[in-house]
Every structure is written in structure tokens, then in C-alpha cells.
Amino acid sequence: MYDYSEYRELTSTIRNANSSCVLRSALRGFLNDAAMTWWNGLEDNQRKAIVLLDFDASVVTTMVFFGRDWGFGGSYSDVLDLILDKAELLAQEDSATWEPWDYELRSIIGCARQQMEREEEARRTAAEIARDLDMETRIKALEDLLVNNSGLVRANKKRKEAYAKEMRKAFLNDALRYLESHHDDQPIEEEDE
């Protein structure tokens, strides 16, 4: 059974990161380790095929996502969740604290902040409607309805997730390049016929 302590440690590191450098280093290291764990779990003929195909990204990612586990207790979607979680934590802080974060992360944080502001606006609207229609007992359902159906909330959420997915994709690309440059360079042996 997999030991999730490494993933828990990564989660803690990301939540406590105070700059883009710390966050990126932690995610890059984690995915690089995951790539090597995956690589080491492959059969020799699978490794040989990947080497012969010059680590073609479409082949490797197909094998990763439709084959065996990527080599850690979480999944590729967990990386996205970690990025979004950190952005949402920072979005709750004063924007002056965003300074140590690079442009890409500030874009995600900004979208998270806008989403939160739009959600709060939808909640205020729900409270006003509930008060006007004497529906105080149904305010939570009305809030959920307005927040979930707000075009502004959904637009910011989509933008936030699109930016985070691009970042995650770059981390995966880095991990594949790391794997290519650090795989075991054993010569491929021809099999006897």
C-alpha cells in the first residue's frame, strides 16, 4: 500500500509556501520523483520503446494516464487542486502579499479573488431577495442557487482553472524532460531471434 506521507508533506509545503519559487520547486520536485517512480516501475520493453521514440510526450502521457499509476499516492488532478487551493488561500489576503508570486500565479490568484467577490455579491443579492420576499428560512438554498448560476462567478472560476491547468501542464512537461535527461541510459539490447 502506498505511503501518503510524501503527498501530505507536499500539501503542507504548498500551503505554507511564501513565494512562487518555493511552490514551483516543491511541485517540480514532486512530479520529477513521480516520473522516476513511474519509469522504474515499467517493464524493460516499455522503457526501450519510450527511449526509441525519443520520449515523445504524447506516447509517454498516454502511457501515464491510461496505464499504471504515475508513481505517487495522488493523481494528476491533485496537482491542479494544490495550485488552486494555494491561489484561493492567497486570494483571501491583501493583494500586497501577492508580490512574491510570479505573473502566472498572480493571474490565478486574481481570478480566485474575483470569483470570491462575485460569490459574495451573489450572497448579498440572495439576502436582499430573501428579505424582500420574507424567505429567511430559504436563504441558504437561494444563495447556493445564485452563486452556482452566476455567470460572473462561473467565468472567473473557468479562467482560474484554465490558468492553473496551463501551469500544471508546464510542470508535467518539465517532469517529462527531467525523465528524459535522467533515465537510466542502459544501451538497448537486441533480442536474439
N, C-alpha and C. Protein backbone atom coordinates (compact mmCIF):
# COMPACT_ATOMS: atom_id res chain seq x y z
N MET A 1 0.84 -1.19 0.00
CA MET A 1 0.00 0.00 0.00
C MET A 1 0.89 1.25 0.00
N TYR A 2 0.43 2.26 -0.67
CA TYR A 2 1.20 3.49 -0.82
C TYR A 2 1.25 4.30 0.47
N ASP A 3 2.40 4.86 0.76
CA ASP A 3 2.58 5.75 1.91
C ASP A 3 2.29 7.18 1.45
N TYR A 4 1.24 7.77 1.95
CA TYR A 4 0.81 9.10 1.51
C TYR A 4 1.55 10.23 2.23
N SER A 5 2.53 9.90 3.05
CA SER A 5 3.22 10.94 3.82
C SER A 5 3.91 11.95 2.90
N GLU A 6 4.46 11.49 1.78
CA GLU A 6 5.11 12.41 0.84
C GLU A 6 4.10 13.41 0.27
N TYR A 7 2.92 12.91 -0.05
CA TYR A 7 1.88 13.79 -0.59
C TYR A 7 1.40 14.78 0.48
N ARG A 8 1.25 14.29 1.71
CA ARG A 8 0.84 15.18 2.81
C ARG A 8 1.90 16.25 3.05
N GLU A 9 3.16 15.86 2.94
CA GLU A 9 4.25 16.83 3.11
C GLU A 9 4.21 17.87 1.99
N LEU A 10 3.95 17.43 0.76
CA LEU A 10 3.84 18.37 -0.35
C LEU A 10 2.69 19.34 -0.12
N THR A 11 1.56 18.82 0.32
CA THR A 11 0.40 19.67 0.58
C THR A 11 0.75 20.73 1.62
N SER A 12 1.42 20.34 2.67
CA SER A 12 1.82 21.29 3.71
C SER A 12 2.80 22.32 3.16
N THR A 13 3.76 21.88 2.36
CA THR A 13 4.74 22.79 1.77
C THR A 13 4.05 23.82 0.89
N ILE A 14 3.12 23.37 0.07
CA ILE A 14 2.40 24.29 -0.84
C ILE A 14 1.57 25.27 -0.03
N ARG A 15 0.84 24.79 0.95
CA ARG A 15 0.01 25.68 1.77
C ARG A 15 0.84 26.73 2.50
N ASN A 16 2.07 26.37 2.89
CA ASN A 16 2.92 27.29 3.64
C ASN A 16 3.92 28.05 2.77
N ALA A 17 3.92 27.79 1.47
CA ALA A 17 4.87 28.46 0.57
C ALA A 17 4.68 29.97 0.63
N ASN A 18 5.81 30.69 0.63
CA ASN A 18 5.72 32.15 0.70
C ASN A 18 6.17 32.83 -0.58
N SER A 19 6.43 32.04 -1.63
CA SER A 19 6.81 32.61 -2.92
C SER A 19 6.59 31.60 -4.03
N SER A 20 6.60 32.11 -5.25
CA SER A 20 6.49 31.24 -6.43
C SER A 20 7.62 30.23 -6.48
N CYS A 21 8.78 30.68 -6.09
CA CYS A 21 9.97 29.82 -6.14
C CYS A 21 9.77 28.57 -5.27
N VAL A 22 9.27 28.75 -4.07
CA VAL A 22 9.05 27.63 -3.16
C VAL A 22 7.97 26.69 -3.71
N LEU A 23 6.86 27.27 -4.19
CA LEU A 23 5.78 26.46 -4.72
C LEU A 23 6.23 25.68 -5.95
N ARG A 24 6.87 26.35 -6.87
CA ARG A 24 7.32 25.70 -8.10
C ARG A 24 8.36 24.62 -7.82
N SER A 25 9.27 24.90 -6.94
CA SER A 25 10.29 23.91 -6.60
C SER A 25 9.66 22.66 -5.99
N ALA A 26 8.70 22.85 -5.10
CA ALA A 26 8.04 21.71 -4.45
C ALA A 26 7.26 20.87 -5.47
N LEU A 27 6.48 21.53 -6.32
CA LEU A 27 5.70 20.78 -7.31
C LEU A 27 6.61 20.11 -8.34
N ARG A 28 7.63 20.81 -8.77
CA ARG A 28 8.56 20.24 -9.76
C ARG A 28 9.26 19.02 -9.16
N GLY A 29 9.76 19.14 -7.95
CA GLY A 29 10.42 18.00 -7.31
C GLY A 29 9.50 16.82 -7.14
N PHE A 30 8.28 17.10 -6.73
CA PHE A 30 7.30 16.03 -6.52
C PHE A 30 6.99 15.30 -7.83
N LEU A 31 6.74 16.06 -8.89
CA LEU A 31 6.41 15.42 -10.17
C LEU A 31 7.63 14.74 -10.78
N ASN A 32 8.81 15.29 -10.59
CA ASN A 32 10.01 14.62 -11.09
C ASN A 32 10.20 13.28 -10.39
N ASP A 33 10.00 13.27 -9.08
CA ASP A 33 10.09 12.00 -8.33
C ASP A 33 9.01 11.02 -8.80
N ALA A 34 7.82 11.54 -9.05
CA ALA A 34 6.73 10.69 -9.53
C ALA A 34 7.08 10.10 -10.89
N ALA A 35 7.68 10.91 -11.76
CA ALA A 35 8.06 10.42 -13.09
C ALA A 35 9.09 9.30 -12.98
N MET A 36 10.07 9.48 -12.10
CA MET A 36 11.10 8.46 -11.95
C MET A 36 10.54 7.19 -11.32
N THR A 37 9.63 7.35 -10.37
CA THR A 37 8.98 6.17 -9.76
C THR A 37 8.20 5.41 -10.82
N TRP A 38 7.47 6.15 -11.65
CA TRP A 38 6.71 5.52 -12.75
C TRP A 38 7.66 4.81 -13.69
N TRP A 39 8.73 5.49 -14.08
CA TRP A 39 9.72 4.93 -15.01
C TRP A 39 10.30 3.63 -14.45
N ASN A 40 10.67 3.65 -13.20
CA ASN A 40 11.28 2.47 -12.59
C ASN A 40 10.31 1.30 -12.46
N GLY A 41 9.02 1.59 -12.49
CA GLY A 41 8.01 0.53 -12.42
C GLY A 41 7.66 -0.08 -13.76
N LEU A 42 8.18 0.50 -14.85
CA LEU A 42 7.89 -0.03 -16.18
C LEU A 42 8.71 -1.29 -16.45
N GLU A 43 8.21 -2.08 -17.36
CA GLU A 43 8.97 -3.25 -17.81
C GLU A 43 10.05 -2.78 -18.77
N ASP A 44 11.10 -3.57 -18.92
CA ASP A 44 12.22 -3.19 -19.79
C ASP A 44 11.77 -2.86 -21.21
N ASN A 45 10.88 -3.69 -21.76
CA ASN A 45 10.45 -3.44 -23.14
C ASN A 45 9.68 -2.12 -23.27
N GLN A 46 8.96 -1.73 -22.23
CA GLN A 46 8.26 -0.45 -22.26
C GLN A 46 9.26 0.72 -22.23
N ARG A 47 10.28 0.59 -21.38
CA ARG A 47 11.32 1.62 -21.32
C ARG A 47 12.05 1.73 -22.65
N LYS A 48 12.37 0.59 -23.22
CA LYS A 48 13.07 0.59 -24.51
C LYS A 48 12.23 1.30 -25.58
N ALA A 49 10.95 1.01 -25.59
CA ALA A 49 10.07 1.65 -26.59
C ALA A 49 10.04 3.16 -26.41
N ILE A 50 9.98 3.62 -25.18
CA ILE A 50 9.95 5.06 -24.92
C ILE A 50 11.25 5.72 -25.37
N VAL A 51 12.37 5.06 -25.08
CA VAL A 51 13.68 5.59 -25.49
C VAL A 51 13.75 5.65 -27.02
N LEU A 52 13.32 4.57 -27.68
CA LEU A 52 13.34 4.54 -29.14
C LEU A 52 12.47 5.63 -29.76
N LEU A 53 11.42 5.98 -29.06
CA LEU A 53 10.52 7.04 -29.56
C LEU A 53 10.92 8.42 -29.05
N ASP A 54 12.15 8.52 -28.54
CA ASP A 54 12.70 9.80 -28.06
C ASP A 54 11.80 10.50 -27.05
N PHE A 55 11.20 9.73 -26.17
CA PHE A 55 10.38 10.28 -25.10
C PHE A 55 9.26 11.17 -25.64
N ASP A 56 8.68 10.75 -26.74
CA ASP A 56 7.58 11.51 -27.34
C ASP A 56 6.52 11.77 -26.27
N ALA A 57 6.20 13.04 -26.07
CA ALA A 57 5.29 13.43 -24.98
C ALA A 57 3.92 12.78 -25.11
N SER A 58 3.40 12.67 -26.33
CA SER A 58 2.06 12.08 -26.47
C SER A 58 2.07 10.60 -26.11
N VAL A 59 3.15 9.90 -26.44
CA VAL A 59 3.25 8.48 -26.09
C VAL A 59 3.38 8.32 -24.58
N VAL A 60 4.29 9.10 -23.99
CA VAL A 60 4.54 8.97 -22.55
C VAL A 60 3.29 9.34 -21.75
N THR A 61 2.66 10.45 -22.09
CA THR A 61 1.47 10.85 -21.32
C THR A 61 0.32 9.87 -21.51
N THR A 62 0.21 9.29 -22.70
CA THR A 62 -0.81 8.25 -22.91
C THR A 62 -0.54 7.07 -22.00
N MET A 63 0.72 6.67 -21.92
CA MET A 63 1.06 5.55 -21.04
C MET A 63 0.81 5.91 -19.58
N VAL A 64 1.12 7.14 -19.22
CA VAL A 64 0.92 7.58 -17.83
C VAL A 64 -0.55 7.57 -17.48
N PHE A 65 -1.36 8.21 -18.30
CA PHE A 65 -2.76 8.42 -17.92
C PHE A 65 -3.66 7.24 -18.22
N PHE A 66 -3.23 6.35 -19.10
CA PHE A 66 -4.07 5.19 -19.40
C PHE A 66 -3.41 3.88 -19.01
N GLY A 67 -2.30 3.99 -18.33
CA GLY A 67 -1.59 2.79 -17.89
C GLY A 67 -1.53 2.73 -16.38
N ARG A 68 -0.35 2.43 -15.92
CA ARG A 68 -0.16 2.29 -14.48
C ARG A 68 -0.11 3.65 -13.79
N ASP A 69 -0.14 3.60 -12.48
CA ASP A 69 -0.13 4.82 -11.67
C ASP A 69 1.10 5.66 -11.96
N TRP A 70 0.97 6.96 -11.83
CA TRP A 70 2.04 7.90 -12.11
C TRP A 70 3.13 7.85 -11.06
N GLY A 71 2.97 7.08 -10.04
CA GLY A 71 4.08 6.87 -9.13
C GLY A 71 3.93 7.54 -7.78
N PHE A 72 2.76 8.06 -7.48
CA PHE A 72 2.54 8.63 -6.16
C PHE A 72 1.10 8.40 -5.76
N GLY A 73 0.80 8.66 -4.52
CA GLY A 73 -0.50 8.31 -3.97
C GLY A 73 -1.65 9.14 -4.50
N GLY A 74 -1.37 10.30 -5.02
CA GLY A 74 -2.43 11.14 -5.54
C GLY A 74 -2.62 10.88 -7.02
N SER A 75 -3.20 11.83 -7.67
CA SER A 75 -3.37 11.73 -9.12
C SER A 75 -2.95 13.06 -9.73
N TYR A 76 -2.92 13.10 -11.03
CA TYR A 76 -2.54 14.32 -11.74
C TYR A 76 -3.47 15.47 -11.38
N SER A 77 -4.74 15.17 -11.12
CA SER A 77 -5.69 16.21 -10.75
C SER A 77 -5.36 16.82 -9.39
N ASP A 78 -4.67 16.07 -8.53
CA ASP A 78 -4.29 16.61 -7.23
C ASP A 78 -3.33 17.79 -7.37
N VAL A 79 -2.49 17.78 -8.40
CA VAL A 79 -1.57 18.89 -8.63
C VAL A 79 -2.38 20.16 -8.91
N LEU A 80 -3.42 20.03 -9.73
CA LEU A 80 -4.30 21.17 -10.01
C LEU A 80 -4.96 21.65 -8.73
N ASP A 81 -5.44 20.72 -7.93
CA ASP A 81 -6.10 21.09 -6.67
C ASP A 81 -5.16 21.84 -5.74
N LEU A 82 -3.89 21.44 -5.70
CA LEU A 82 -2.91 22.12 -4.85
C LEU A 82 -2.67 23.56 -5.32
N ILE A 83 -2.56 23.74 -6.62
CA ILE A 83 -2.36 25.09 -7.18
C ILE A 83 -3.57 25.96 -6.88
N LEU A 84 -4.76 25.43 -7.12
CA LEU A 84 -5.99 26.20 -6.88
C LEU A 84 -6.18 26.50 -5.40
N ASP A 85 -5.88 25.53 -4.55
CA ASP A 85 -6.00 25.73 -3.10
C ASP A 85 -5.11 26.87 -2.63
N LYS A 86 -3.86 26.87 -3.10
CA LYS A 86 -2.94 27.94 -2.71
C LYS A 86 -3.42 29.29 -3.24
N ALA A 87 -3.89 29.34 -4.47
CA ALA A 87 -4.40 30.59 -5.04
C ALA A 87 -5.59 31.11 -4.24
N GLU A 88 -6.45 30.22 -3.83
CA GLU A 88 -7.63 30.64 -3.07
C GLU A 88 -7.24 31.12 -1.67
N LEU A 89 -6.23 30.51 -1.08
CA LEU A 89 -5.75 31.00 0.22
C LEU A 89 -5.17 32.41 0.07
N LEU A 90 -4.37 32.62 -0.96
CA LEU A 90 -3.77 33.93 -1.18
C LEU A 90 -4.79 34.98 -1.58
N ALA A 91 -5.84 34.56 -2.27
CA ALA A 91 -6.88 35.50 -2.70
C ALA A 91 -7.61 36.10 -1.50
N GLN A 92 -7.58 35.42 -0.38
CA GLN A 92 -8.23 35.92 0.83
C GLN A 92 -7.38 36.96 1.55
N GLU A 93 -6.11 37.08 1.15
CA GLU A 93 -5.21 38.03 1.79
C GLU A 93 -5.20 39.35 1.03
N ASP A 94 -4.56 40.34 1.62
CA ASP A 94 -4.39 41.64 0.98
C ASP A 94 -3.54 41.45 -0.28
N SER A 95 -3.90 42.13 -1.36
CA SER A 95 -3.17 41.93 -2.61
C SER A 95 -1.70 42.34 -2.52
N ALA A 96 -1.32 43.12 -1.52
CA ALA A 96 0.09 43.47 -1.33
C ALA A 96 0.93 42.23 -1.01
N THR A 97 0.31 41.20 -0.46
CA THR A 97 1.04 39.97 -0.12
C THR A 97 1.28 39.11 -1.37
N TRP A 98 0.75 39.52 -2.50
CA TRP A 98 0.91 38.74 -3.73
C TRP A 98 2.25 39.03 -4.40
N GLU A 99 2.99 40.01 -3.91
CA GLU A 99 4.24 40.46 -4.55
C GLU A 99 5.23 39.33 -4.83
N PRO A 100 5.47 38.39 -3.89
CA PRO A 100 6.47 37.35 -4.18
C PRO A 100 6.00 36.29 -5.18
N TRP A 101 4.84 36.47 -5.73
CA TRP A 101 4.29 35.47 -6.65
C TRP A 101 4.45 35.96 -8.08
N ASP A 102 4.85 35.06 -8.96
CA ASP A 102 5.08 35.45 -10.35
C ASP A 102 3.76 35.75 -11.07
N TYR A 103 3.89 36.28 -12.27
CA TYR A 103 2.72 36.74 -13.03
C TYR A 103 1.69 35.64 -13.22
N GLU A 104 2.17 34.45 -13.57
CA GLU A 104 1.25 33.33 -13.82
C GLU A 104 0.42 33.01 -12.58
N LEU A 105 1.08 32.92 -11.44
CA LEU A 105 0.36 32.64 -10.20
C LEU A 105 -0.52 33.81 -9.78
N ARG A 106 -0.05 35.04 -9.99
CA ARG A 106 -0.89 36.19 -9.65
C ARG A 106 -2.15 36.22 -10.50
N SER A 107 -2.07 35.74 -11.73
CA SER A 107 -3.26 35.66 -12.59
C SER A 107 -4.28 34.70 -11.99
N ILE A 108 -3.80 33.56 -11.51
CA ILE A 108 -4.70 32.58 -10.89
C ILE A 108 -5.28 33.15 -9.60
N ILE A 109 -4.42 33.79 -8.81
CA ILE A 109 -4.87 34.40 -7.55
C ILE A 109 -5.91 35.49 -7.83
N GLY A 110 -5.65 36.32 -8.84
CA GLY A 110 -6.59 37.40 -9.20
C GLY A 110 -7.94 36.85 -9.60
N CYS A 111 -7.95 35.78 -10.39
CA CYS A 111 -9.22 35.15 -10.78
C CYS A 111 -9.93 34.58 -9.56
N ALA A 112 -9.16 33.99 -8.65
CA ALA A 112 -9.76 33.44 -7.42
C ALA A 112 -10.38 34.57 -6.60
N ARG A 113 -9.68 35.70 -6.51
CA ARG A 113 -10.22 36.86 -5.77
C ARG A 113 -11.50 37.36 -6.42
N GLN A 114 -11.50 37.50 -7.74
CA GLN A 114 -12.70 37.96 -8.45
C GLN A 114 -13.85 36.98 -8.27
N GLN A 115 -13.55 35.68 -8.31
CA GLN A 115 -14.59 34.68 -8.09
C GLN A 115 -15.18 34.84 -6.70
N MET A 116 -14.32 35.01 -5.69
CA MET A 116 -14.81 35.17 -4.32
C MET A 116 -15.66 36.43 -4.18
N GLU A 117 -15.24 37.52 -4.82
CA GLU A 117 -16.01 38.76 -4.76
C GLU A 117 -17.37 38.58 -5.42
N ARG A 118 -17.39 37.89 -6.55
CA ARG A 118 -18.68 37.65 -7.25
C ARG A 118 -19.58 36.73 -6.43
N GLU A 119 -18.98 35.75 -5.75
CA GLU A 119 -19.78 34.87 -4.89
C GLU A 119 -20.38 35.66 -3.74
N GLU A 120 -19.59 36.55 -3.15
CA GLU A 120 -20.10 37.38 -2.05
C GLU A 120 -21.21 38.30 -2.53
N GLU A 121 -21.05 38.84 -3.71
CA GLU A 121 -22.09 39.69 -4.30
C GLU A 121 -23.38 38.89 -4.51
N ALA A 122 -23.25 37.65 -4.96
CA ALA A 122 -24.43 36.79 -5.15
C ALA A 122 -25.09 36.49 -3.81
N ARG A 123 -24.31 36.31 -2.77
CA ARG A 123 -24.87 36.06 -1.43
C ARG A 123 -25.62 37.28 -0.91
N ARG A 124 -25.05 38.46 -1.15
CA ARG A 124 -25.75 39.69 -0.72
C ARG A 124 -27.07 39.85 -1.48
N THR A 125 -27.04 39.54 -2.76
CA THR A 125 -28.27 39.62 -3.56
C THR A 125 -29.30 38.62 -3.03
N ALA A 126 -28.85 37.42 -2.69
CA ALA A 126 -29.76 36.40 -2.14
C ALA A 126 -30.37 36.90 -0.84
N ALA A 127 -29.57 37.53 0.01
CA ALA A 127 -30.07 38.04 1.30
C ALA A 127 -31.12 39.13 1.06
N GLU A 128 -30.87 39.99 0.09
CA GLU A 128 -31.85 41.05 -0.22
C GLU A 128 -33.15 40.46 -0.75
N ILE A 129 -33.05 39.50 -1.65
CA ILE A 129 -34.25 38.87 -2.20
C ILE A 129 -35.01 38.15 -1.09
N ALA A 130 -34.30 37.41 -0.26
CA ALA A 130 -34.94 36.68 0.84
C ALA A 130 -35.64 37.64 1.78
N ARG A 131 -34.98 38.75 2.09
CA ARG A 131 -35.59 39.74 2.99
C ARG A 131 -36.85 40.35 2.34
N ASP A 132 -36.74 40.71 1.06
CA ASP A 132 -37.87 41.33 0.36
C ASP A 132 -39.05 40.39 0.22
N LEU A 133 -38.77 39.11 0.06
CA LEU A 133 -39.85 38.14 -0.14
C LEU A 133 -40.18 37.36 1.13
N ASP A 134 -39.60 37.79 2.25
CA ASP A 134 -39.82 37.14 3.54
C ASP A 134 -39.56 35.64 3.44
N MET A 135 -38.35 35.30 2.93
CA MET A 135 -37.95 33.90 2.72
C MET A 135 -36.73 33.55 3.56
N GLU A 136 -36.57 34.12 4.72
CA GLU A 136 -35.36 33.93 5.51
C GLU A 136 -35.01 32.45 5.73
N THR A 137 -36.00 31.60 5.81
CA THR A 137 -35.72 30.18 6.05
C THR A 137 -35.12 29.51 4.81
N ARG A 138 -35.24 30.13 3.66
CA ARG A 138 -34.74 29.54 2.41
C ARG A 138 -33.50 30.27 1.88
N ILE A 139 -32.89 31.12 2.71
CA ILE A 139 -31.79 31.95 2.21
C ILE A 139 -30.60 31.11 1.74
N LYS A 140 -30.26 30.02 2.43
CA LYS A 140 -29.12 29.20 2.05
C LYS A 140 -29.33 28.59 0.66
N ALA A 141 -30.52 28.07 0.41
CA ALA A 141 -30.81 27.49 -0.90
C ALA A 141 -30.76 28.56 -1.99
N LEU A 142 -31.25 29.75 -1.67
CA LEU A 142 -31.22 30.85 -2.63
C LEU A 142 -29.77 31.30 -2.89
N GLU A 143 -28.96 31.36 -1.84
CA GLU A 143 -27.54 31.71 -2.01
C GLU A 143 -26.85 30.70 -2.93
N ASP A 144 -27.06 29.42 -2.65
CA ASP A 144 -26.44 28.38 -3.47
C ASP A 144 -26.87 28.50 -4.93
N LEU A 145 -28.14 28.75 -5.13
CA LEU A 145 -28.68 28.90 -6.49
C LEU A 145 -28.02 30.07 -7.21
N LEU A 146 -27.94 31.22 -6.55
CA LEU A 146 -27.37 32.40 -7.19
C LEU A 146 -25.86 32.25 -7.40
N VAL A 147 -25.16 31.71 -6.42
CA VAL A 147 -23.71 31.53 -6.56
C VAL A 147 -23.40 30.54 -7.68
N ASN A 148 -24.08 29.42 -7.70
CA ASN A 148 -23.80 28.38 -8.69
C ASN A 148 -24.23 28.76 -10.10
N ASN A 149 -25.17 29.67 -10.22
CA ASN A 149 -25.66 30.03 -11.55
C ASN A 149 -25.21 31.41 -12.02
N SER A 150 -24.40 32.07 -11.23
CA SER A 150 -23.90 33.38 -11.62
C SER A 150 -22.91 33.24 -12.77
N GLY A 151 -23.18 33.91 -13.85
CA GLY A 151 -22.27 33.89 -14.99
C GLY A 151 -20.92 34.47 -14.63
N LEU A 152 -20.91 35.51 -13.80
CA LEU A 152 -19.64 36.13 -13.40
C LEU A 152 -18.81 35.19 -12.53
N VAL A 153 -19.46 34.47 -11.63
CA VAL A 153 -18.74 33.51 -10.79
C VAL A 153 -18.17 32.41 -11.67
N ARG A 154 -18.99 31.87 -12.54
CA ARG A 154 -18.55 30.76 -13.39
C ARG A 154 -17.45 31.19 -14.34
N ALA A 155 -17.53 32.40 -14.88
CA ALA A 155 -16.49 32.89 -15.80
C ALA A 155 -15.15 33.01 -15.09
N ASN A 156 -15.15 33.56 -13.87
CA ASN A 156 -13.90 33.67 -13.13
C ASN A 156 -13.36 32.32 -12.74
N LYS A 157 -14.25 31.41 -12.37
CA LYS A 157 -13.82 30.06 -12.00
C LYS A 157 -13.18 29.36 -13.20
N LYS A 158 -13.79 29.51 -14.38
CA LYS A 158 -13.24 28.89 -15.58
C LYS A 158 -11.87 29.45 -15.93
N ARG A 159 -11.74 30.78 -15.84
CA ARG A 159 -10.45 31.41 -16.14
C ARG A 159 -9.38 30.95 -15.15
N LYS A 160 -9.75 30.92 -13.87
CA LYS A 160 -8.82 30.48 -12.82
C LYS A 160 -8.35 29.06 -13.10
N GLU A 161 -9.27 28.17 -13.41
CA GLU A 161 -8.92 26.78 -13.65
C GLU A 161 -8.12 26.61 -14.95
N ALA A 162 -8.43 27.42 -15.97
CA ALA A 162 -7.68 27.34 -17.23
C ALA A 162 -6.22 27.75 -17.01
N TYR A 163 -6.01 28.83 -16.27
CA TYR A 163 -4.64 29.26 -15.96
C TYR A 163 -3.91 28.19 -15.16
N ALA A 164 -4.58 27.62 -14.18
CA ALA A 164 -3.95 26.60 -13.32
C ALA A 164 -3.65 25.33 -14.13
N LYS A 165 -4.52 24.97 -15.07
CA LYS A 165 -4.26 23.80 -15.91
C LYS A 165 -3.05 24.02 -16.81
N GLU A 166 -2.89 25.24 -17.31
CA GLU A 166 -1.71 25.55 -18.12
C GLU A 166 -0.44 25.41 -17.28
N MET A 167 -0.50 25.87 -16.04
CA MET A 167 0.65 25.75 -15.15
C MET A 167 0.95 24.28 -14.88
N ARG A 168 -0.09 23.52 -14.59
CA ARG A 168 0.10 22.09 -14.32
C ARG A 168 0.70 21.39 -15.54
N LYS A 169 0.23 21.76 -16.72
CA LYS A 169 0.74 21.17 -17.96
C LYS A 169 2.24 21.47 -18.12
N ALA A 170 2.66 22.67 -17.75
CA ALA A 170 4.07 23.03 -17.81
C ALA A 170 4.89 22.19 -16.83
N PHE A 171 4.33 21.94 -15.64
CA PHE A 171 5.01 21.08 -14.67
C PHE A 171 5.15 19.65 -15.21
N LEU A 172 4.11 19.16 -15.85
CA LEU A 172 4.17 17.81 -16.44
C LEU A 172 5.23 17.78 -17.53
N ASN A 173 5.27 18.81 -18.37
CA ASN A 173 6.28 18.87 -19.42
C ASN A 173 7.69 18.86 -18.81
N ASP A 174 7.87 19.64 -17.75
CA ASP A 174 9.16 19.65 -17.05
C ASP A 174 9.51 18.26 -16.53
N ALA A 175 8.53 17.56 -15.99
CA ALA A 175 8.77 16.22 -15.45
C ALA A 175 9.16 15.25 -16.57
N LEU A 176 8.53 15.40 -17.73
CA LEU A 176 8.88 14.53 -18.85
C LEU A 176 10.30 14.82 -19.35
N ARG A 177 10.66 16.09 -19.37
CA ARG A 177 12.03 16.47 -19.78
C ARG A 177 13.05 15.96 -18.73
N TYR A 178 12.67 16.04 -17.47
CA TYR A 178 13.52 15.53 -16.40
C TYR A 178 13.72 14.02 -16.58
N LEU A 179 12.63 13.32 -16.84
CA LEU A 179 12.69 11.88 -17.05
C LEU A 179 13.61 11.56 -18.23
N GLU A 180 13.47 12.31 -19.30
CA GLU A 180 14.28 12.07 -20.49
C GLU A 180 15.77 12.27 -20.18
N SER A 181 16.08 13.28 -19.42
CA SER A 181 17.50 13.56 -19.15
C SER A 181 18.08 12.74 -18.00
N HIS A 182 17.23 12.12 -17.19
CA HIS A 182 17.72 11.37 -16.04
C HIS A 182 17.39 9.88 -16.06
N HIS A 183 16.82 9.39 -17.15
CA HIS A 183 16.50 7.96 -17.19
C HIS A 183 17.80 7.15 -17.26
N ASP A 184 17.69 5.92 -16.97
CA ASP A 184 18.84 5.03 -16.98
C ASP A 184 19.28 4.84 -18.42
N ASP A 185 20.47 5.28 -18.75
CA ASP A 185 20.95 5.24 -20.13
C ASP A 185 21.56 3.88 -20.49
N GLN A 186 20.93 2.83 -20.10
CA GLN A 186 21.39 1.49 -20.46
C GLN A 186 21.21 1.31 -21.96
N PRO A 187 22.21 0.76 -22.65
CA PRO A 187 22.02 0.52 -24.08
C PRO A 187 20.90 -0.50 -24.29
N ILE A 188 20.15 -0.29 -25.32
CA ILE A 188 19.06 -1.22 -25.63
C ILE A 188 19.67 -2.45 -26.29
N GLU A 189 19.40 -3.59 -25.72
CA GLU A 189 19.96 -4.82 -26.23
C GLU A 189 19.02 -5.43 -27.26
N GLU A 190 19.62 -5.89 -28.33
CA GLU A 190 18.84 -6.58 -29.35
C GLU A 190 18.54 -7.99 -28.84
N GLU A 191 17.31 -8.42 -29.03
CA GLU A 191 16.96 -9.75 -28.60
C GLU A 191 17.33 -10.75 -29.67
N ASP A 192 17.77 -11.93 -29.24
CA ASP A 192 18.12 -12.99 -30.19
C ASP A 192 16.88 -13.52 -30.85
N GLU A 193 17.01 -13.80 -32.13
CA GLU A 193 15.86 -14.35 -32.87
C GLU A 193 15.89 -15.84 -32.83
